[in-house]
Protein backbone atom coordinates (compact mmCIF):
# COMPACT_ATOMS: atom_id res chain seq x y z
CA MET A 1 7.10 7.53 2.89
CA ARG A 2 5.10 10.72 2.36
CA ARG A 3 2.62 11.40 -0.39
CA SER A 4 4.13 13.73 -2.97
CA PHE A 5 2.83 17.27 -2.97
CA SER A 6 4.34 18.23 -6.32
CA ASP A 7 4.46 14.95 -8.28
CA ARG A 8 0.99 13.52 -8.11
CA ILE A 9 -1.88 12.49 -10.34
CA PHE A 10 -4.48 11.51 -7.73
CA GLY A 11 -3.24 11.42 -4.16
CA GLY A 12 0.53 11.53 -4.52
CA VAL A 13 1.06 7.92 -3.33
CA CYS A 14 3.01 6.74 -6.38
CA GLY A 15 5.01 9.96 -6.51
CA GLY A 16 5.90 9.67 -2.86
CA LEU A 17 6.77 6.00 -3.10
CA ALA A 18 8.89 6.67 -6.17
CA SER A 19 10.71 9.45 -4.33
CA ALA A 20 11.38 7.18 -1.36
CA LEU A 21 12.63 4.34 -3.60
CA ARG A 22 14.46 6.78 -5.96
CA VAL A 23 12.80 5.47 -9.13
CA SER A 24 10.64 7.05 -11.79
CA PRO A 25 7.13 7.92 -10.63
CA TRP A 26 5.76 6.66 -13.94
CA LEU A 27 7.28 3.23 -13.32
CA VAL A 28 5.52 3.04 -9.95
CA ARG A 29 2.24 4.25 -11.48
CA ALA A 30 2.49 1.67 -14.26
CA LEU A 31 3.21 -1.11 -11.76
CA PHE A 32 0.24 -0.08 -9.61
CA ALA A 33 -2.03 0.02 -12.66
CA ILE A 34 -0.90 -3.37 -13.95
CA LEU A 35 -1.07 -4.99 -10.50
CA SER A 36 -4.47 -3.47 -9.85
CA VAL A 37 -5.82 -5.14 -12.99
CA LEU A 38 -4.09 -8.45 -12.33
CA SER A 39 -5.14 -8.58 -8.66
CA LEU A 40 -8.76 -7.67 -9.46
CA GLY A 41 -8.57 -4.43 -7.52
CA THR A 42 -6.49 -5.45 -4.52
CA PHE A 43 -3.67 -3.05 -5.40
CA ALA A 44 -6.23 -0.28 -6.02
CA LEU A 45 -7.39 -0.81 -2.41
CA LEU A 46 -3.74 -0.75 -1.38
CA TYR A 47 -3.38 2.64 -3.10
CA ILE A 48 -6.43 3.94 -1.26
CA GLY A 49 -5.02 2.58 2.01
CA LEU A 50 -1.67 4.27 1.44
CA TRP A 51 -3.49 7.49 0.49
CA TRP A 52 -5.27 7.29 3.80
CA LEU A 53 -2.24 6.31 5.91
CA ALA A 54 0.64 8.28 4.39
CA PRO A 55 0.89 11.94 5.31
CA LEU A 56 1.27 14.61 2.66
CA GLU A 57 4.85 15.82 2.30
CA SER A 58 5.85 19.28 3.38
CA PRO A 59 8.13 21.13 0.95
CA LEU A 60 10.22 22.21 3.92
CA ILE A 61 10.93 18.80 5.52
CA ASP A 62 12.58 15.74 3.99
CA ARG A 63 12.04 12.63 6.09
CA ARG A 64 12.61 8.99 5.23
CA GLY A 65 12.72 5.86 7.32
CA LEU A 66 9.83 4.27 9.24
CA PRO A 67 6.96 5.55 7.00
CA THR A 68 8.77 4.16 3.95
CA LEU A 69 9.24 0.79 5.67
CA ILE A 70 5.55 0.76 6.62
CA ALA A 71 4.53 1.44 3.01
CA LEU A 72 6.86 -1.25 1.70
CA ALA A 73 5.60 -3.71 4.34
CA LEU A 74 2.02 -2.94 3.27
CA ILE A 75 2.91 -3.68 -0.33
CA VAL A 76 4.58 -6.98 0.59
CA VAL A 77 1.69 -8.03 2.86
CA THR A 78 -0.81 -7.18 0.10
CA ALA A 79 1.13 -9.25 -2.43
CA ALA A 80 1.34 -12.15 0.05
CA ALA A 81 -2.38 -11.95 0.78
CA TRP A 82 -3.13 -11.87 -2.94
CA TYR A 83 -0.96 -14.99 -3.40
CA ALA A 84 -2.63 -16.70 -0.43
CA ARG A 85 -6.10 -15.85 -1.73
CA ASP A 86 -5.34 -17.22 -5.19
CA ASN A 87 -3.89 -20.45 -3.74
CA GLY A 88 -6.72 -21.08 -1.27
CA LEU A 89 -4.70 -20.37 1.85
CA LEU A 90 -7.15 -17.79 3.29
CA ILE A 91 -10.10 -20.19 3.61
CA THR A 92 -11.61 -21.55 6.83
CA SER A 93 -12.19 -25.24 7.39
CA ASP A 94 -15.76 -25.01 6.14
CA GLY A 95 -14.68 -23.26 2.89
CA THR A 96 -15.53 -19.68 3.77
CA PRO A 97 -13.04 -17.17 2.30
CA ILE A 98 -11.51 -14.77 4.85
CA PHE A 99 -9.46 -12.53 2.53
CA TRP A 100 -11.35 -9.32 3.37
CA GLN A 101 -11.30 -10.01 7.08
CA ALA A 102 -7.53 -10.55 6.93
CA ALA A 103 -7.10 -7.36 4.90
CA ALA A 104 -9.13 -5.41 7.48
CA VAL A 105 -6.95 -6.75 10.31
CA VAL A 106 -3.75 -5.75 8.44
CA LEU A 107 -5.11 -2.25 7.78
CA ALA A 108 -6.14 -1.90 11.43
CA LEU A 109 -2.66 -2.94 12.59
CA LEU A 110 -1.01 -0.49 10.24
CA PHE A 111 -3.31 2.31 11.41
CA PHE A 112 -2.44 1.41 15.01
CA ILE A 113 1.31 1.50 14.23
CA ARG A 114 0.85 4.91 12.63
CA GLN A 115 -0.86 6.20 15.74
CA ILE A 116 1.87 5.14 18.19
CA ARG A 117 4.83 6.66 16.36
């Protein structure tokens, strides 16, 4: 996935994701907005993470593949972490929540994967 250069409102993340998935960018934007509200900002942080990780598209090159899979994996991992947080699965034995630590580890791993490709 690449951030869209031509179809963007903020950073081009939703436009690029919509292009990779071949759906309407407004559908992706609406889903991100709704999920950001429902997840109390988790999907907004996901948007910022994708903005940071995904390169800006070049009008001359059309690439798909691994970056799209990384973006989709990030979305799935964020949804799973949101589910785990809401169901008390990301809590240590003494009751301390570790959601943000787990999110930082996932972002660090994705950044590392981005660097080795």
